[in-house]
C-alpha atoms as a PDB file:
ATOM      1  CA  MET A   1      22.871 -11.261  -5.546  1.00  0.00           C
ATOM      2  CA  LYS A   2      26.145  -9.457  -4.850  1.00  0.00           C
ATOM      3  CA  ASN A   3      28.776 -12.083  -3.704  1.00  0.00           C
ATOM      4  CA  GLU A   4      30.707  -9.619  -1.472  1.00  0.00           C
ATOM      5  CA  THR A   5      27.780  -8.565   0.282  1.00  0.00           C
ATOM      6  CA  LEU A   6      26.373 -11.936   0.811  1.00  0.00           C
ATOM      7  CA  LYS A   7      29.869 -12.920   1.984  1.00  0.00           C
ATOM      8  CA  GLU A   8      29.691 -10.197   4.693  1.00  0.00           C
ATOM      9  CA  ILE A   9      26.178 -11.224   5.604  1.00  0.00           C
ATOM     10  CA  ARG A  10      27.551 -14.805   6.208  1.00  0.00           C
ATOM     11  CA  GLN A  11      30.338 -13.695   8.176  1.00  0.00           C
ATOM     12  CA  VAL A  12      28.003 -11.595  10.515  1.00  0.00           C
ATOM     13  CA  TYR A  13      25.944 -14.589  10.826  1.00  0.00           C
ATOM     14  CA  LYS A  14      28.844 -16.771  11.871  1.00  0.00           C
ATOM     15  CA  ASP A  15      30.344 -14.078  14.108  1.00  0.00           C
ATOM     16  CA  LYS A  16      27.016 -13.352  15.855  1.00  0.00           C
ATOM     17  CA  TYR A  17      25.552 -16.817  15.654  1.00  0.00           C
ATOM     18  CA  ASN A  18      25.317 -17.396  19.291  1.00  0.00           C
ATOM     19  CA  ASP A  19      23.796 -13.934  20.200  1.00  0.00           C
ATOM     20  CA  ILE A  20      21.283 -14.616  17.294  1.00  0.00           C
ATOM     21  CA  GLN A  21      20.122 -17.920  18.541  1.00  0.00           C
ATOM     22  CA  ARG A  22      19.971 -16.530  22.179  1.00  0.00           C
ATOM     23  CA  ALA A  23      17.656 -13.762  20.767  1.00  0.00           C
ATOM     24  CA  LEU A  24      15.281 -16.220  18.993  1.00  0.00           C
ATOM     25  CA  ILE A  25      15.145 -18.409  21.883  1.00  0.00           C
ATOM     26  CA  SER A  26      14.240 -15.645  24.113  1.00  0.00           C
ATOM     27  CA  TYR A  27      11.498 -14.505  21.634  1.00  0.00           C
ATOM     28  CA  ARG A  28       9.924 -17.880  21.554  1.00  0.00           C
ATOM     29  CA  ALA A  29      10.224 -18.076  25.362  1.00  0.00           C
ATOM     30  CA  LYS A  30       8.428 -14.637  25.605  1.00  0.00           C
ATOM     31  CA  TRP A  31       5.266 -16.433  24.108  1.00  0.00           C
ATOM     32  CA  GLU A  32       5.663 -19.865  25.536  1.00  0.00           C
ATOM     33  CA  THR A  33       6.505 -19.053  29.113  1.00  0.00           C
ATOM     34  CA  GLY A  34       6.049 -15.262  29.461  1.00  0.00           C
ATOM     35  CA  SER A  35       3.269 -13.819  31.306  1.00  0.00           C
ATOM     36  CA  GLU A  36       0.386 -11.776  29.751  1.00  0.00           C
ATOM     37  CA  GLU A  37       2.207  -8.538  30.934  1.00  0.00           C
ATOM     38  CA  ASP A  38       5.395  -9.632  29.333  1.00  0.00           C
ATOM     39  CA  VAL A  39       3.537  -9.965  25.893  1.00  0.00           C
ATOM     40  CA  LEU A  40       1.656  -6.708  26.496  1.00  0.00           C
ATOM     41  CA  ALA A  41       4.904  -4.840  27.278  1.00  0.00           C
ATOM     42  CA  GLU A  42       6.466  -5.913  23.996  1.00  0.00           C
ATOM     43  CA  MET A  43       3.459  -4.739  22.166  1.00  0.00           C
ATOM     44  CA  LEU A  44       3.564  -1.370  23.870  1.00  0.00           C
ATOM     45  CA  PHE A  45       7.258  -1.051  23.349  1.00  0.00           C
ATOM     46  CA  CYS A  46       6.720  -1.316  19.583  1.00  0.00           C
ATOM     47  CA  ILE A  47       4.511   1.766  19.718  1.00  0.00           C
ATOM     48  CA  LEU A  48       7.503   3.712  21.026  1.00  0.00           C
ATOM     49  CA  THR A  49      10.121   2.735  18.487  1.00  0.00           C
ATOM     50  CA  PRO A  50       9.244   4.628  15.261  1.00  0.00           C
ATOM     51  CA  GLN A  51      11.913   7.166  14.487  1.00  0.00           C
ATOM     52  CA  SER A  52      13.625   6.362  17.837  1.00  0.00           C
ATOM     53  CA  LYS A  53      16.344   4.372  19.201  1.00  0.00           C
ATOM     54  CA  ALA A  54      15.265   0.803  20.497  1.00  0.00           C
ATOM     55  CA  LYS A  55      17.439   0.690  23.492  1.00  0.00           C
ATOM     56  CA  GLY A  56      16.168   4.217  24.718  1.00  0.00           C
ATOM     57  CA  CYS A  57      12.583   2.985  24.219  1.00  0.00           C
ATOM     58  CA  TRP A  58      13.086  -0.155  26.062  1.00  0.00           C
ATOM     59  CA  SER A  59      14.633   1.633  29.078  1.00  0.00           C
ATOM     60  CA  CYS A  60      11.445   3.575  29.130  1.00  0.00           C
ATOM     61  CA  MET A  61       9.336   0.464  29.169  1.00  0.00           C
ATOM     62  CA  GLU A  62      11.510  -0.831  32.214  1.00  0.00           C
ATOM     63  CA  SER A  63      10.733   2.314  34.104  1.00  0.00           C
ATOM     64  CA  ILE A  64       7.038   1.960  33.277  1.00  0.00           C
ATOM     65  CA  ILE A  65       6.994  -1.703  34.434  1.00  0.00           C
ATOM     66  CA  LYS A  66       9.109  -0.901  37.568  1.00  0.00           C
ATOM     67  CA  LYS A  67       6.858   1.925  38.709  1.00  0.00           C
ATOM     68  CA  GLY A  68       3.717  -0.436  38.136  1.00  0.00           C
ATOM     69  CA  LEU A  69       2.314   1.723  35.413  1.00  0.00           C
ATOM     70  CA  LEU A  70       2.009  -0.792  32.732  1.00  0.00           C
ATOM     71  CA  LEU A  71      -1.646  -1.859  33.521  1.00  0.00           C
ATOM     72  CA  THR A  72      -2.816   1.478  35.139  1.00  0.00           C
ATOM     73  CA  GLY A  73      -0.693   4.405  34.070  1.00  0.00           C
ATOM     74  CA  ASN A  74      -2.639   7.353  32.619  1.00  0.00           C
ATOM     75  CA  GLU A  75      -1.562   9.147  29.570  1.00  0.00           C
ATOM     76  CA  LYS A  76       0.128  11.984  31.731  1.00  0.00           C
ATOM     77  CA  GLN A  77       2.011   9.166  33.686  1.00  0.00           C
ATOM     78  CA  ILE A  78       3.213   7.603  30.729  1.00  0.00           C
ATOM     79  CA  LEU A  79       4.173  10.623  28.889  1.00  0.00           C
ATOM     80  CA  ALA A  80       6.583  11.379  31.977  1.00  0.00           C
ATOM     81  CA  GLU A  81       8.335   8.101  31.284  1.00  0.00           C
ATOM     82  CA  LEU A  82       8.910   8.744  27.681  1.00  0.00           C
ATOM     83  CA  LYS A  83      12.384  10.489  27.967  1.00  0.00           C
ATOM     84  CA  TYR A  84      13.834   9.053  24.789  1.00  0.00           C
ATOM     85  CA  PRO A  85      11.199   8.444  21.922  1.00  0.00           C
ATOM     86  CA  ARG A  86      10.230  10.912  19.494  1.00  0.00           C
ATOM     87  CA  PHE A  87       6.667  12.212  19.124  1.00  0.00           C
ATOM     88  CA  LYS A  88       6.291  11.382  22.833  1.00  0.00           C
ATOM     89  CA  TYR A  89       2.889  13.223  23.163  1.00  0.00           C
ATOM     90  CA  LYS A  90       1.309  11.156  20.401  1.00  0.00           C
ATOM     91  CA  LYS A  91       2.904   7.947  21.486  1.00  0.00           C
ATOM     92  CA  ALA A  92       1.784   8.288  25.102  1.00  0.00           C
ATOM     93  CA  LYS A  93      -1.870   8.656  23.688  1.00  0.00           C
ATOM     94  CA  TYR A  94      -1.415   5.706  21.463  1.00  0.00           C
ATOM     95  CA  PHE A  95       0.121   3.754  24.346  1.00  0.00           C
ATOM     96  CA  VAL A  96      -2.869   4.015  26.679  1.00  0.00           C
ATOM     97  CA  GLU A  97      -5.394   3.415  23.858  1.00  0.00           C
ATOM     98  CA  ALA A  98      -3.665   0.223  22.753  1.00  0.00           C
ATOM     99  CA  ARG A  99      -3.000  -1.031  26.370  1.00  0.00           C
ATOM    100  CA  ASP A 100      -6.759  -0.462  27.389  1.00  0.00           C
ATOM    101  CA  LYS A 101      -7.707  -2.906  24.389  1.00  0.00           C
ATOM    102  CA  PHE A 102      -6.056  -5.827  26.488  1.00  0.00           C
ATOM    103  CA  VAL A 103      -6.482  -5.051  30.231  1.00  0.00           C
ATOM    104  CA  LYS A 104      -9.796  -6.062  31.705  1.00  0.00           C
ATOM    105  CA  ASN A 105     -10.590  -5.831  35.416  1.00  0.00           C
ATOM    106  CA  GLY A 106      -7.015  -5.003  36.037  1.00  0.00           C
ATOM    107  CA  LYS A 107      -5.525  -7.884  34.160  1.00  0.00           C
ATOM    108  CA  ALA A 108      -3.873  -8.225  30.843  1.00  0.00           C
ATOM    109  CA  ASN A 109      -5.479 -10.763  28.371  1.00  0.00           C
ATOM    110  CA  ILE A 110      -3.360 -10.113  25.170  1.00  0.00           C
ATOM    111  CA  LYS A 111      -1.995 -13.681  24.917  1.00  0.00           C
ATOM    112  CA  VAL A 112      -5.775 -15.077  25.209  1.00  0.00           C
ATOM    113  CA  PHE A 113      -6.554 -12.588  22.417  1.00  0.00           C
ATOM    114  CA  MET A 114      -3.669 -13.613  20.154  1.00  0.00           C
ATOM    115  CA  ARG A 115      -4.656 -17.300  20.395  1.00  0.00           C
ATOM    116  CA  THR A 116      -7.873 -16.591  18.374  1.00  0.00           C
ATOM    117  CA  PHE A 117      -6.112 -15.968  15.155  1.00  0.00           C
ATOM    118  CA  LYS A 118      -5.617 -18.930  12.831  1.00  0.00           C
ATOM    119  CA  ASP A 119      -2.159 -17.883  11.503  1.00  0.00           C
ATOM    120  CA  PRO A 120       0.545 -15.148  11.877  1.00  0.00           C
ATOM    121  CA  TYR A 121      -0.621 -13.363   8.807  1.00  0.00           C
ATOM    122  CA  GLU A 122      -4.234 -13.007  10.114  1.00  0.00           C
ATOM    123  CA  MET A 123      -2.738 -11.788  13.399  1.00  0.00           C
ATOM    124  CA  ARG A 124      -0.527  -9.140  11.659  1.00  0.00           C
ATOM    125  CA  ASP A 125      -3.495  -7.788   9.735  1.00  0.00           C
ATOM    126  CA  TRP A 126      -5.587  -7.339  12.846  1.00  0.00           C
ATOM    127  CA  PHE A 127      -2.777  -5.341  14.868  1.00  0.00           C
ATOM    128  CA  HIS A 128      -1.730  -3.403  11.789  1.00  0.00           C
ATOM    129  CA  ASN A 129      -5.358  -2.256  11.243  1.00  0.00           C
ATOM    130  CA  ASN A 130      -6.438  -1.840  14.834  1.00  0.00           C
ATOM    131  CA  ILE A 131      -3.363  -0.375  16.891  1.00  0.00           C
ATOM    132  CA  LYS A 132      -2.742   3.323  16.292  1.00  0.00           C
ATOM    133  CA  GLY A 133       0.930   3.779  15.675  1.00  0.00           C
ATOM    134  CA  TYR A 134       1.446   0.363  14.091  1.00  0.00           C
ATOM    135  CA  GLY A 135       2.611   0.218  10.547  1.00  0.00           C
ATOM    136  CA  LEU A 136       3.553  -3.169   9.116  1.00  0.00           C
ATOM    137  CA  LYS A 137       7.229  -2.757  10.423  1.00  0.00           C
ATOM    138  CA  GLU A 138       6.060  -2.144  13.888  1.00  0.00           C
ATOM    139  CA  THR A 139       3.528  -4.827  13.632  1.00  0.00           C
ATOM    140  CA  GLY A 140       6.100  -7.323  12.597  1.00  0.00           C
ATOM    141  CA  HIS A 141       8.631  -6.034  15.167  1.00  0.00           C
ATOM    142  CA  PHE A 142       6.077  -6.852  17.931  1.00  0.00           C
ATOM    143  CA  MET A 143       5.386 -10.337  16.368  1.00  0.00           C
ATOM    144  CA  ARG A 144       8.946 -11.225  16.000  1.00  0.00           C
ATOM    145  CA  ASN A 145       9.602 -10.242  19.613  1.00  0.00           C
ATOM    146  CA  VAL A 146       7.273 -12.607  20.925  1.00  0.00           C
ATOM    147  CA  GLY A 147       7.934 -15.513  18.666  1.00  0.00           C
ATOM    148  CA  PHE A 148       6.070 -15.013  15.373  1.00  0.00           C
ATOM    149  CA  GLY A 149       8.772 -13.944  13.187  1.00  0.00           C
ATOM    150  CA  GLU A 150       9.711 -16.840  11.215  1.00  0.00           C
ATOM    151  CA  ASP A 151       7.995 -15.772   7.853  1.00  0.00           C
ATOM    152  CA  ILE A 152       7.468 -11.993   8.665  1.00  0.00           C
ATOM    153  CA  ALA A 153       9.825  -9.038   7.681  1.00  0.00           C
ATOM    154  CA  ILE A 154      10.797  -5.853   9.651  1.00  0.00           C
ATOM    155  CA  LEU A 155      11.462  -3.419   6.931  1.00  0.00           C
ATOM    156  CA  ASP A 156      13.235  -0.702   8.640  1.00  0.00           C
ATOM    157  CA  ARG A 157      15.711   1.478   7.026  1.00  0.00           C
ATOM    158  CA  HIS A 158      18.630  -0.727   8.097  1.00  0.00           C
ATOM    159  CA  ILE A 159      17.113  -3.813   6.541  1.00  0.00           C
ATOM    160  CA  LEU A 160      16.042  -1.955   3.431  1.00  0.00           C
ATOM    161  CA  ARG A 161      19.511  -0.520   2.900  1.00  0.00           C
ATOM    162  CA  ASN A 162      21.159  -3.995   3.236  1.00  0.00           C
ATOM    163  CA  LEU A 163      18.576  -5.479   0.974  1.00  0.00           C
ATOM    164  CA  ALA A 164      19.476  -2.943  -1.697  1.00  0.00           C
ATOM    165  CA  LYS A 165      23.022  -3.745  -1.138  1.00  0.00           C
ATOM    166  CA  ILE A 166      22.604  -7.430  -1.717  1.00  0.00           C
ATOM    167  CA  GLY A 167      20.390  -6.784  -4.852  1.00  0.00           C
ATOM    168  CA  VAL A 168      17.179  -8.106  -3.147  1.00  0.00           C
ATOM    169  CA  ILE A 169      15.593  -4.738  -4.071  1.00  0.00           C
ATOM    170  CA  LYS A 170      16.798  -2.105  -6.700  1.00  0.00           C
ATOM    171  CA  SER A 171      16.862   0.697  -4.291  1.00  0.00           C
ATOM    172  CA  VAL A 172      15.629   1.983  -0.921  1.00  0.00           C
ATOM    173  CA  PRO A 173      12.002   3.401  -1.457  1.00  0.00           C
ATOM    174  CA  LYS A 174      11.289   6.629  -0.038  1.00  0.00           C
ATOM    175  CA  SER A 175       7.910   5.288   1.138  1.00  0.00           C
ATOM    176  CA  ILE A 176       6.258   1.862   1.251  1.00  0.00           C
ATOM    177  CA  THR A 177       2.814   0.957   0.362  1.00  0.00           C
ATOM    178  CA  PRO A 178       1.401  -2.287   1.961  1.00  0.00           C
ATOM    179  CA  LYS A 179       1.434  -3.931  -1.577  1.00  0.00           C
ATOM    180  CA  MET A 180       5.399  -3.055  -1.895  1.00  0.00           C
ATOM    181  CA  TYR A 181       6.060  -4.283   1.574  1.00  0.00           C
ATOM    182  CA  TYR A 182       4.598  -7.598   1.030  1.00  0.00           C
ATOM    183  CA  LYS A 183       6.470  -7.856  -2.225  1.00  0.00           C
ATOM    184  CA  ILE A 184       9.693  -7.104  -0.674  1.00  0.00           C
ATOM    185  CA  GLU A 185       8.911  -9.454   1.971  1.00  0.00           C
ATOM    186  CA  GLN A 186       8.334 -12.225  -0.344  1.00  0.00           C
ATOM    187  CA  ASP A 187      11.677 -11.330  -2.051  1.00  0.00           C
ATOM    188  CA  MET A 188      13.564 -11.441   1.203  1.00  0.00           C
ATOM    189  CA  LYS A 189      12.170 -15.007   1.876  1.00  0.00           C
ATOM    190  CA  LYS A 190      13.364 -16.132  -1.431  1.00  0.00           C
ATOM    191  CA  PHE A 191      16.748 -14.800  -0.547  1.00  0.00           C
ATOM    192  CA  ALA A 192      16.601 -16.480   2.849  1.00  0.00           C
ATOM    193  CA  LYS A 193      16.018 -19.713   1.204  1.00  0.00           C
ATOM    194  CA  LYS A 194      18.634 -19.443  -1.425  1.00  0.00           C
ATOM    195  CA  SER A 195      21.259 -18.348   1.032  1.00  0.00           C
ATOM    196  CA  LYS A 196      20.184 -20.980   3.569  1.00  0.00           C
ATOM    197  CA  ILE A 197      19.837 -18.313   6.288  1.00  0.00           C
ATOM    198  CA  PRO A 198      16.673 -18.642   8.461  1.00  0.00           C
ATOM    199  CA  MET A 199      14.165 -15.656   7.925  1.00  0.00           C
ATOM    200  CA  ALA A 200      13.732 -15.109  11.577  1.00  0.00           C
ATOM    201  CA  ALA A 201      17.590 -14.888  11.840  1.00  0.00           C
ATOM    202  CA  LEU A 202      18.095 -12.767   8.507  1.00  0.00           C
ATOM    203  CA  ASP A 203      16.595  -9.595  10.297  1.00  0.00           C
ATOM    204  CA  LEU A 204      18.935  -9.687  13.098  1.00  0.00           C
ATOM    205  CA  ILE A 205      21.984 -10.301  10.933  1.00  0.00           C
ATOM    206  CA  LEU A 206      21.224  -7.188   8.816  1.00  0.00           C
ATOM    207  CA  TRP A 207      20.609  -5.272  11.907  1.00  0.00           C
ATOM    208  CA  ALA A 208      23.860  -6.359  13.491  1.00  0.00           C
ATOM    209  CA  LYS A 209      25.759  -5.698  10.044  1.00  0.00           C
ATOM    210  CA  GLU A 210      24.562  -2.042  10.397  1.00  0.00           C
ATOM    211  CA  THR A 211      24.810  -1.532  14.265  1.00  0.00           C
ATOM    212  CA  GLY A 212      27.399  -4.206  15.432  1.00  0.00           C
ATOM    213  CA  GLU A 213      24.928  -5.701  17.931  1.00  0.00           C
ATOM    214  CA  VAL A 214      21.825  -7.803  18.364  1.00  0.00           C
ATOM    215  CA  PHE A 215      18.952  -6.119  20.038  1.00  0.00           C
ATOM    216  CA  LYS A 216      15.259  -6.440  20.140  1.00  0.00           C
END
């Protein structure tokens, strides 16, 4: 563990503590008091984010929701709203395919479906294996955004870069297999426990260290 980097991380945690707590509370509230549509929107948002800026992707989601396209928009209509994500043609297709798995008779039922899993890991496996456009990172992102991020890592480039600086991993891998992902996740948990920083907060801290802000 590299002391200077750990010191920086603890300082970010201190500086951004209130923002981080607000974010974690909002994630839990999304599940506990949010609607089926709220959770569906988060799931679809995470299809848009790979290799794209999260803020731009969320603005696209806000436009989709505002125009009443969340439950009924076809691929062409969704594509017209994807002004910021890269690979928008593929993502529009994935968006509609994923959305239609959780809409029946004009109503979303994703929360009902998610309650059938015995634990977050089983839930993650299902979404990872059944939603096109979802790697383990995107699956973890979605689960964190709806309150299931206590023990699940979101290993994007910001997080991996900082894990390497801390010494949790030797270097940033060029690509990650599922086996490698789970190993890094376990090492990240050990670091969180040793440093006394909650796993759910650590992702937001490392993100804020890179970008200067706390966001989805």
